[in-house]
Amino acid sequence: MADTGDNSKTALVSELNGLLADHFALFTKTKNFHWHVAGPRFRDLHLLFDEHAIEIRDQIDLIGERVRKLGENTLTSVGSIAQHTQVKDQDNASLSAEDMVAELRDDNAAMVKRLKGMKPLAEDAGDNATDGLLDDWTDMAEQRVWFLTQTLK
């Protein structure tokens, strides 16, 4: 990583920790919906939500380790996750399947927006490794949005 100053690195790490919080929160919400989905499309949605949750879960460690490779600290608690996430809680276990799909679509679309907004931060910090990872994570989130959008048609 090029030495471009502390400010650009600090901004990138702050957003990486926000992204980490979003992944924790979205993983939890997606598993919540996996467990509570009901209705005629139960099996398909139950499996889809689980696939998405696993993909999101698998990114958590990569994001946290990226922060550590940059020499900084990651989130340390459930409280720090809640403080840094943009994902809203959903405690209604009786939400309709359609509402679950729409909410996850919107949350994943917000994650795509956050990821795309992080590209200039990685570039400013001269961090090619994070820049490349952001492309991969964006593609995964865009695919989740696509699947969820098509499910609502």
N, C-alpha and C. Protein backbone atom coordinates (compact mmCIF):
# COMPACT_ATOMS: atom_id res chain seq x y z
N MET A 1 0.84 -1.17 0.00
CA MET A 1 0.00 0.00 0.00
C MET A 1 0.88 1.23 0.00
N ALA A 2 0.58 2.17 -0.86
CA ALA A 2 1.36 3.39 -0.94
C ALA A 2 1.14 4.24 0.30
N ASP A 3 2.18 4.98 0.67
CA ASP A 3 2.06 5.86 1.83
C ASP A 3 1.46 7.18 1.37
N THR A 4 0.15 7.29 1.49
CA THR A 4 -0.56 8.48 1.03
C THR A 4 -1.06 9.33 2.18
N GLY A 5 -0.64 9.01 3.37
CA GLY A 5 -1.07 9.81 4.52
C GLY A 5 -2.11 9.08 5.35
N ASP A 6 -2.19 9.49 6.60
CA ASP A 6 -3.08 8.83 7.54
C ASP A 6 -4.56 9.09 7.26
N ASN A 7 -4.90 10.25 6.73
CA ASN A 7 -6.31 10.58 6.55
C ASN A 7 -7.02 9.64 5.59
N SER A 8 -6.40 9.33 4.46
CA SER A 8 -7.03 8.43 3.49
C SER A 8 -7.14 7.02 4.05
N LYS A 9 -6.13 6.56 4.76
CA LYS A 9 -6.17 5.24 5.37
C LYS A 9 -7.23 5.19 6.47
N THR A 10 -7.31 6.24 7.28
CA THR A 10 -8.31 6.30 8.35
C THR A 10 -9.72 6.25 7.79
N ALA A 11 -9.97 6.98 6.70
CA ALA A 11 -11.29 6.98 6.07
C ALA A 11 -11.63 5.59 5.54
N LEU A 12 -10.66 4.93 4.92
CA LEU A 12 -10.89 3.60 4.38
C LEU A 12 -11.18 2.60 5.50
N VAL A 13 -10.38 2.63 6.55
CA VAL A 13 -10.58 1.70 7.67
C VAL A 13 -11.94 1.94 8.32
N SER A 14 -12.34 3.18 8.46
CA SER A 14 -13.65 3.49 9.04
C SER A 14 -14.77 2.86 8.21
N GLU A 15 -14.68 2.99 6.91
CA GLU A 15 -15.69 2.39 6.04
C GLU A 15 -15.61 0.86 6.03
N LEU A 16 -14.40 0.31 6.10
CA LEU A 16 -14.27 -1.14 6.19
C LEU A 16 -14.94 -1.66 7.46
N ASN A 17 -14.77 -0.95 8.57
CA ASN A 17 -15.45 -1.37 9.80
C ASN A 17 -16.96 -1.21 9.68
N GLY A 18 -17.42 -0.18 8.97
CA GLY A 18 -18.85 -0.05 8.70
C GLY A 18 -19.35 -1.19 7.85
N LEU A 19 -18.58 -1.56 6.85
CA LEU A 19 -18.93 -2.69 5.99
C LEU A 19 -18.96 -3.99 6.79
N LEU A 20 -18.01 -4.13 7.70
CA LEU A 20 -17.97 -5.30 8.59
C LEU A 20 -19.24 -5.36 9.44
N ALA A 21 -19.62 -4.22 10.00
CA ALA A 21 -20.85 -4.15 10.81
C ALA A 21 -22.07 -4.50 9.96
N ASP A 22 -22.11 -3.98 8.74
CA ASP A 22 -23.24 -4.29 7.85
C ASP A 22 -23.32 -5.78 7.55
N HIS A 23 -22.18 -6.42 7.36
CA HIS A 23 -22.19 -7.85 7.09
C HIS A 23 -22.69 -8.66 8.29
N PHE A 24 -22.23 -8.29 9.48
CA PHE A 24 -22.74 -8.96 10.69
C PHE A 24 -24.25 -8.79 10.81
N ALA A 25 -24.72 -7.56 10.65
CA ALA A 25 -26.15 -7.27 10.81
C ALA A 25 -26.98 -7.93 9.72
N LEU A 26 -26.49 -7.89 8.47
CA LEU A 26 -27.24 -8.50 7.38
C LEU A 26 -27.22 -10.03 7.48
N PHE A 27 -26.13 -10.59 7.96
CA PHE A 27 -26.09 -12.03 8.21
C PHE A 27 -27.18 -12.41 9.22
N THR A 28 -27.25 -11.67 10.31
CA THR A 28 -28.24 -11.96 11.35
C THR A 28 -29.66 -11.83 10.81
N LYS A 29 -29.92 -10.75 10.07
CA LYS A 29 -31.26 -10.55 9.52
C LYS A 29 -31.61 -11.66 8.52
N THR A 30 -30.66 -12.03 7.68
CA THR A 30 -30.92 -13.05 6.67
C THR A 30 -31.20 -14.40 7.34
N LYS A 31 -30.46 -14.72 8.39
CA LYS A 31 -30.74 -15.97 9.13
C LYS A 31 -32.10 -15.88 9.84
N ASN A 32 -32.43 -14.73 10.37
CA ASN A 32 -33.75 -14.53 10.99
C ASN A 32 -34.83 -14.88 9.98
N PHE A 33 -34.72 -14.33 8.77
CA PHE A 33 -35.73 -14.59 7.75
C PHE A 33 -35.69 -16.05 7.30
N HIS A 34 -34.52 -16.64 7.23
CA HIS A 34 -34.38 -18.06 6.90
C HIS A 34 -35.17 -18.91 7.90
N TRP A 35 -35.07 -18.56 9.17
CA TRP A 35 -35.76 -19.34 10.21
C TRP A 35 -37.25 -19.07 10.25
N HIS A 36 -37.69 -17.87 9.89
CA HIS A 36 -39.08 -17.48 10.10
C HIS A 36 -39.93 -17.40 8.84
N VAL A 37 -39.34 -17.60 7.67
CA VAL A 37 -40.14 -17.52 6.45
C VAL A 37 -41.22 -18.60 6.46
N ALA A 38 -42.39 -18.26 5.91
CA ALA A 38 -43.51 -19.21 5.85
C ALA A 38 -44.30 -18.93 4.57
N GLY A 39 -45.10 -19.90 4.19
CA GLY A 39 -45.95 -19.71 3.03
C GLY A 39 -45.64 -20.69 1.92
N PRO A 40 -46.32 -20.50 0.79
CA PRO A 40 -46.22 -21.47 -0.30
C PRO A 40 -44.81 -21.60 -0.90
N ARG A 41 -43.99 -20.56 -0.76
CA ARG A 41 -42.62 -20.62 -1.31
C ARG A 41 -41.59 -20.88 -0.22
N PHE A 42 -42.06 -21.46 0.88
CA PHE A 42 -41.19 -21.67 2.04
C PHE A 42 -39.86 -22.33 1.66
N ARG A 43 -39.92 -23.47 1.00
CA ARG A 43 -38.69 -24.22 0.72
C ARG A 43 -37.71 -23.40 -0.11
N ASP A 44 -38.18 -22.81 -1.19
CA ASP A 44 -37.29 -22.03 -2.06
C ASP A 44 -36.68 -20.85 -1.32
N LEU A 45 -37.48 -20.11 -0.57
CA LEU A 45 -36.96 -18.94 0.14
C LEU A 45 -36.08 -19.35 1.31
N HIS A 46 -36.46 -20.40 2.00
CA HIS A 46 -35.66 -20.91 3.11
C HIS A 46 -34.25 -21.23 2.62
N LEU A 47 -34.15 -21.90 1.48
CA LEU A 47 -32.85 -22.26 0.91
C LEU A 47 -32.11 -21.03 0.37
N LEU A 48 -32.83 -20.14 -0.31
CA LEU A 48 -32.20 -18.93 -0.85
C LEU A 48 -31.62 -18.07 0.27
N PHE A 49 -32.39 -17.86 1.32
CA PHE A 49 -31.91 -17.04 2.44
C PHE A 49 -30.69 -17.68 3.09
N ASP A 50 -30.68 -19.00 3.19
CA ASP A 50 -29.52 -19.67 3.78
C ASP A 50 -28.28 -19.52 2.89
N GLU A 51 -28.45 -19.66 1.59
CA GLU A 51 -27.33 -19.47 0.66
C GLU A 51 -26.76 -18.06 0.81
N HIS A 52 -27.64 -17.07 0.87
CA HIS A 52 -27.19 -15.68 1.01
C HIS A 52 -26.50 -15.46 2.36
N ALA A 53 -27.05 -16.02 3.41
CA ALA A 53 -26.45 -15.86 4.75
C ALA A 53 -25.04 -16.44 4.78
N ILE A 54 -24.86 -17.60 4.18
CA ILE A 54 -23.53 -18.23 4.16
C ILE A 54 -22.54 -17.37 3.39
N GLU A 55 -22.97 -16.83 2.25
CA GLU A 55 -22.08 -15.98 1.46
C GLU A 55 -21.68 -14.73 2.25
N ILE A 56 -22.64 -14.12 2.91
CA ILE A 56 -22.37 -12.92 3.72
C ILE A 56 -21.45 -13.28 4.89
N ARG A 57 -21.74 -14.38 5.56
CA ARG A 57 -20.91 -14.83 6.69
C ARG A 57 -19.47 -15.03 6.27
N ASP A 58 -19.28 -15.62 5.11
CA ASP A 58 -17.93 -15.93 4.66
C ASP A 58 -17.12 -14.67 4.33
N GLN A 59 -17.76 -13.56 4.11
CA GLN A 59 -17.07 -12.31 3.84
C GLN A 59 -16.64 -11.60 5.12
N ILE A 60 -17.28 -11.93 6.24
CA ILE A 60 -17.00 -11.24 7.51
C ILE A 60 -15.53 -11.35 7.88
N ASP A 61 -14.97 -12.53 7.85
CA ASP A 61 -13.58 -12.71 8.25
C ASP A 61 -12.62 -11.99 7.29
N LEU A 62 -12.93 -12.01 6.01
CA LEU A 62 -12.08 -11.33 5.03
C LEU A 62 -12.03 -9.82 5.28
N ILE A 63 -13.17 -9.25 5.61
CA ILE A 63 -13.22 -7.81 5.87
C ILE A 63 -12.45 -7.48 7.14
N GLY A 64 -12.70 -8.25 8.21
CA GLY A 64 -11.98 -8.03 9.46
C GLY A 64 -10.48 -8.18 9.31
N GLU A 65 -10.07 -9.19 8.58
CA GLU A 65 -8.63 -9.40 8.38
C GLU A 65 -8.03 -8.30 7.51
N ARG A 66 -8.81 -7.73 6.60
CA ARG A 66 -8.29 -6.62 5.79
C ARG A 66 -7.98 -5.43 6.68
N VAL A 67 -8.88 -5.15 7.63
CA VAL A 67 -8.64 -4.05 8.58
C VAL A 67 -7.36 -4.32 9.37
N ARG A 68 -7.18 -5.54 9.83
CA ARG A 68 -5.99 -5.89 10.62
C ARG A 68 -4.72 -5.80 9.77
N LYS A 69 -4.79 -6.21 8.50
CA LYS A 69 -3.63 -6.11 7.62
C LYS A 69 -3.23 -4.65 7.40
N LEU A 70 -4.19 -3.74 7.54
CA LEU A 70 -3.90 -2.31 7.43
C LEU A 70 -3.37 -1.75 8.75
N GLY A 71 -3.21 -2.64 9.75
CA GLY A 71 -2.63 -2.24 11.02
C GLY A 71 -3.59 -1.57 11.98
N GLU A 72 -4.88 -1.75 11.74
CA GLU A 72 -5.89 -1.10 12.57
C GLU A 72 -6.74 -2.13 13.31
N ASN A 73 -7.61 -1.64 14.18
CA ASN A 73 -8.49 -2.51 14.96
C ASN A 73 -9.85 -2.64 14.28
N THR A 74 -10.45 -3.81 14.48
CA THR A 74 -11.78 -4.08 13.95
C THR A 74 -12.82 -3.80 15.03
N LEU A 75 -14.05 -4.07 14.69
CA LEU A 75 -15.14 -4.02 15.66
C LEU A 75 -14.87 -5.06 16.74
N THR A 76 -15.33 -4.78 17.95
CA THR A 76 -14.98 -5.66 19.07
C THR A 76 -16.18 -6.25 19.80
N SER A 77 -17.40 -5.83 19.45
CA SER A 77 -18.56 -6.29 20.24
C SER A 77 -19.85 -6.11 19.45
N VAL A 78 -20.92 -6.69 19.97
CA VAL A 78 -22.24 -6.49 19.38
C VAL A 78 -22.59 -5.00 19.41
N GLY A 79 -22.22 -4.32 20.48
CA GLY A 79 -22.47 -2.89 20.57
C GLY A 79 -21.76 -2.10 19.48
N SER A 80 -20.51 -2.48 19.18
CA SER A 80 -19.79 -1.77 18.12
C SER A 80 -20.38 -2.07 16.75
N ILE A 81 -20.91 -3.26 16.57
CA ILE A 81 -21.60 -3.59 15.32
C ILE A 81 -22.84 -2.70 15.19
N ALA A 82 -23.63 -2.63 16.24
CA ALA A 82 -24.86 -1.82 16.21
C ALA A 82 -24.54 -0.35 15.96
N GLN A 83 -23.44 0.11 16.50
CA GLN A 83 -23.05 1.52 16.35
C GLN A 83 -22.64 1.85 14.91
N HIS A 84 -22.07 0.90 14.19
CA HIS A 84 -21.50 1.18 12.88
C HIS A 84 -22.31 0.69 11.69
N THR A 85 -23.36 -0.09 11.91
CA THR A 85 -24.11 -0.64 10.77
C THR A 85 -25.14 0.34 10.23
N GLN A 86 -25.42 0.21 8.95
CA GLN A 86 -26.50 0.94 8.31
C GLN A 86 -27.73 0.05 8.14
N VAL A 87 -27.61 -1.24 8.49
CA VAL A 87 -28.70 -2.19 8.34
C VAL A 87 -29.64 -2.04 9.54
N LYS A 88 -30.92 -1.85 9.24
CA LYS A 88 -31.92 -1.67 10.30
C LYS A 88 -32.34 -3.03 10.85
N ASP A 89 -32.56 -3.09 12.16
CA ASP A 89 -33.07 -4.31 12.79
C ASP A 89 -34.46 -4.63 12.26
N GLN A 90 -34.78 -5.92 12.27
CA GLN A 90 -36.13 -6.37 11.95
C GLN A 90 -36.46 -7.50 12.92
N ASP A 91 -37.29 -7.18 13.90
CA ASP A 91 -37.63 -8.15 14.94
C ASP A 91 -38.99 -8.81 14.75
N ASN A 92 -39.68 -8.47 13.66
CA ASN A 92 -41.00 -9.04 13.41
C ASN A 92 -40.84 -10.44 12.81
N ALA A 93 -41.10 -11.46 13.61
CA ALA A 93 -40.96 -12.85 13.15
C ALA A 93 -42.15 -13.29 12.30
N SER A 94 -43.15 -12.43 12.15
CA SER A 94 -44.34 -12.76 11.35
C SER A 94 -44.39 -12.00 10.04
N LEU A 95 -43.31 -11.38 9.65
CA LEU A 95 -43.26 -10.64 8.40
C LEU A 95 -43.61 -11.56 7.24
N SER A 96 -44.32 -11.06 6.25
CA SER A 96 -44.65 -11.89 5.09
C SER A 96 -43.39 -12.22 4.30
N ALA A 97 -43.44 -13.31 3.57
CA ALA A 97 -42.30 -13.72 2.75
C ALA A 97 -41.93 -12.62 1.76
N GLU A 98 -42.93 -11.99 1.14
CA GLU A 98 -42.68 -10.91 0.18
C GLU A 98 -41.96 -9.75 0.84
N ASP A 99 -42.39 -9.40 2.06
CA ASP A 99 -41.74 -8.29 2.77
C ASP A 99 -40.31 -8.64 3.15
N MET A 100 -40.07 -9.90 3.50
CA MET A 100 -38.71 -10.34 3.80
C MET A 100 -37.81 -10.19 2.57
N VAL A 101 -38.29 -10.67 1.44
CA VAL A 101 -37.51 -10.59 0.21
C VAL A 101 -37.23 -9.13 -0.14
N ALA A 102 -38.25 -8.28 -0.05
CA ALA A 102 -38.08 -6.86 -0.39
C ALA A 102 -37.09 -6.18 0.56
N GLU A 103 -37.17 -6.50 1.83
CA GLU A 103 -36.26 -5.89 2.80
C GLU A 103 -34.82 -6.33 2.55
N LEU A 104 -34.62 -7.60 2.29
CA LEU A 104 -33.26 -8.07 1.99
C LEU A 104 -32.75 -7.49 0.68
N ARG A 105 -33.62 -7.35 -0.31
CA ARG A 105 -33.21 -6.72 -1.56
C ARG A 105 -32.72 -5.29 -1.29
N ASP A 106 -33.49 -4.54 -0.52
CA ASP A 106 -33.13 -3.16 -0.23
C ASP A 106 -31.85 -3.06 0.60
N ASP A 107 -31.69 -3.96 1.57
CA ASP A 107 -30.46 -3.96 2.39
C ASP A 107 -29.24 -4.30 1.54
N ASN A 108 -29.38 -5.27 0.65
CA ASN A 108 -28.26 -5.63 -0.21
C ASN A 108 -27.97 -4.52 -1.22
N ALA A 109 -29.00 -3.84 -1.71
CA ALA A 109 -28.79 -2.71 -2.62
C ALA A 109 -28.05 -1.59 -1.91
N ALA A 110 -28.37 -1.35 -0.65
CA ALA A 110 -27.66 -0.34 0.14
C ALA A 110 -26.20 -0.75 0.32
N MET A 111 -25.96 -2.05 0.47
CA MET A 111 -24.59 -2.53 0.61
C MET A 111 -23.82 -2.31 -0.69
N VAL A 112 -24.45 -2.53 -1.83
CA VAL A 112 -23.81 -2.26 -3.12
C VAL A 112 -23.40 -0.80 -3.19
N LYS A 113 -24.30 0.08 -2.79
CA LYS A 113 -24.00 1.52 -2.80
C LYS A 113 -22.81 1.83 -1.90
N ARG A 114 -22.79 1.24 -0.71
CA ARG A 114 -21.67 1.47 0.21
C ARG A 114 -20.37 0.97 -0.40
N LEU A 115 -20.41 -0.23 -0.96
CA LEU A 115 -19.21 -0.81 -1.57
C LEU A 115 -18.68 0.06 -2.70
N LYS A 116 -19.56 0.52 -3.55
CA LYS A 116 -19.13 1.37 -4.67
C LYS A 116 -18.56 2.69 -4.15
N GLY A 117 -19.11 3.20 -3.06
CA GLY A 117 -18.60 4.42 -2.46
C GLY A 117 -17.23 4.26 -1.83
N MET A 118 -16.84 3.03 -1.56
CA MET A 118 -15.55 2.76 -0.94
C MET A 118 -14.41 2.70 -1.95
N LYS A 119 -14.72 2.52 -3.23
CA LYS A 119 -13.68 2.42 -4.26
C LYS A 119 -12.75 3.63 -4.25
N PRO A 120 -13.28 4.86 -4.25
CA PRO A 120 -12.36 6.01 -4.23
C PRO A 120 -11.51 6.07 -2.96
N LEU A 121 -12.05 5.58 -1.85
CA LEU A 121 -11.28 5.57 -0.60
C LEU A 121 -10.07 4.65 -0.72
N ALA A 122 -10.29 3.47 -1.31
CA ALA A 122 -9.18 2.53 -1.50
C ALA A 122 -8.15 3.12 -2.47
N GLU A 123 -8.64 3.77 -3.51
CA GLU A 123 -7.73 4.39 -4.48
C GLU A 123 -6.93 5.51 -3.82
N ASP A 124 -7.61 6.35 -3.04
CA ASP A 124 -6.93 7.46 -2.36
C ASP A 124 -5.86 6.95 -1.40
N ALA A 125 -6.15 5.80 -0.78
CA ALA A 125 -5.19 5.22 0.17
C ALA A 125 -4.11 4.41 -0.55
N GLY A 126 -4.23 4.26 -1.86
CA GLY A 126 -3.26 3.47 -2.61
C GLY A 126 -3.32 1.99 -2.25
N ASP A 127 -4.50 1.51 -1.87
CA ASP A 127 -4.68 0.14 -1.39
C ASP A 127 -5.28 -0.72 -2.49
N ASN A 128 -4.43 -1.27 -3.34
CA ASN A 128 -4.88 -2.09 -4.46
C ASN A 128 -5.56 -3.38 -4.01
N ALA A 129 -5.11 -3.95 -2.90
CA ALA A 129 -5.70 -5.20 -2.42
C ALA A 129 -7.16 -4.99 -2.02
N THR A 130 -7.41 -3.94 -1.24
CA THR A 130 -8.79 -3.66 -0.85
C THR A 130 -9.62 -3.30 -2.07
N ASP A 131 -9.05 -2.55 -2.99
CA ASP A 131 -9.74 -2.17 -4.22
C ASP A 131 -10.24 -3.40 -4.96
N GLY A 132 -9.39 -4.41 -5.11
CA GLY A 132 -9.78 -5.64 -5.79
C GLY A 132 -10.84 -6.42 -5.03
N LEU A 133 -10.72 -6.47 -3.71
CA LEU A 133 -11.72 -7.16 -2.90
C LEU A 133 -13.08 -6.48 -3.02
N LEU A 134 -13.07 -5.15 -3.07
CA LEU A 134 -14.33 -4.41 -3.20
C LEU A 134 -15.07 -4.79 -4.48
N ASP A 135 -14.32 -5.03 -5.56
CA ASP A 135 -14.94 -5.47 -6.80
C ASP A 135 -15.64 -6.82 -6.62
N ASP A 136 -14.95 -7.75 -5.96
CA ASP A 136 -15.53 -9.08 -5.72
C ASP A 136 -16.77 -8.99 -4.84
N TRP A 137 -16.68 -8.23 -3.75
CA TRP A 137 -17.79 -8.11 -2.82
C TRP A 137 -18.97 -7.39 -3.46
N THR A 138 -18.69 -6.42 -4.31
CA THR A 138 -19.76 -5.72 -5.02
C THR A 138 -20.49 -6.69 -5.95
N ASP A 139 -19.75 -7.50 -6.68
CA ASP A 139 -20.36 -8.46 -7.58
C ASP A 139 -21.27 -9.43 -6.82
N MET A 140 -20.82 -9.90 -5.67
CA MET A 140 -21.63 -10.82 -4.86
C MET A 140 -22.91 -10.15 -4.38
N ALA A 141 -22.79 -8.92 -3.89
CA ALA A 141 -23.97 -8.20 -3.40
C ALA A 141 -24.93 -7.89 -4.55
N GLU A 142 -24.39 -7.53 -5.72
CA GLU A 142 -25.25 -7.27 -6.87
C GLU A 142 -26.00 -8.54 -7.29
N GLN A 143 -25.33 -9.67 -7.18
CA GLN A 143 -26.01 -10.93 -7.52
C GLN A 143 -27.14 -11.21 -6.53
N ARG A 144 -26.91 -10.94 -5.24
CA ARG A 144 -27.99 -11.14 -4.27
C ARG A 144 -29.17 -10.22 -4.59
N VAL A 145 -28.89 -8.97 -4.93
CA VAL A 145 -29.96 -8.03 -5.30
C VAL A 145 -30.72 -8.56 -6.51
N TRP A 146 -30.01 -9.05 -7.49
CA TRP A 146 -30.63 -9.60 -8.70
C TRP A 146 -31.56 -10.76 -8.37
N PHE A 147 -31.07 -11.72 -7.57
CA PHE A 147 -31.88 -12.88 -7.20
C PHE A 147 -33.13 -12.44 -6.45
N LEU A 148 -32.96 -11.55 -5.49
CA LEU A 148 -34.10 -11.09 -4.69
C LEU A 148 -35.10 -10.29 -5.52
N THR A 149 -34.59 -9.48 -6.43
CA THR A 149 -35.47 -8.71 -7.33
C THR A 149 -36.28 -9.65 -8.21
N GLN A 150 -35.62 -10.64 -8.79
CA GLN A 150 -36.32 -11.58 -9.66
C GLN A 150 -37.34 -12.42 -8.88
N THR A 151 -37.06 -12.67 -7.63
CA THR A 151 -37.98 -13.44 -6.79
C THR A 151 -39.28 -12.68 -6.54
N LEU A 152 -39.21 -11.36 -6.57
CA LEU A 152 -40.40 -10.53 -6.32
C LEU A 152 -41.30 -10.38 -7.54
N LYS A 153 -40.84 -10.80 -8.72
CA LYS A 153 -41.64 -10.61 -9.93
C LYS A 153 -42.76 -11.61 -10.05
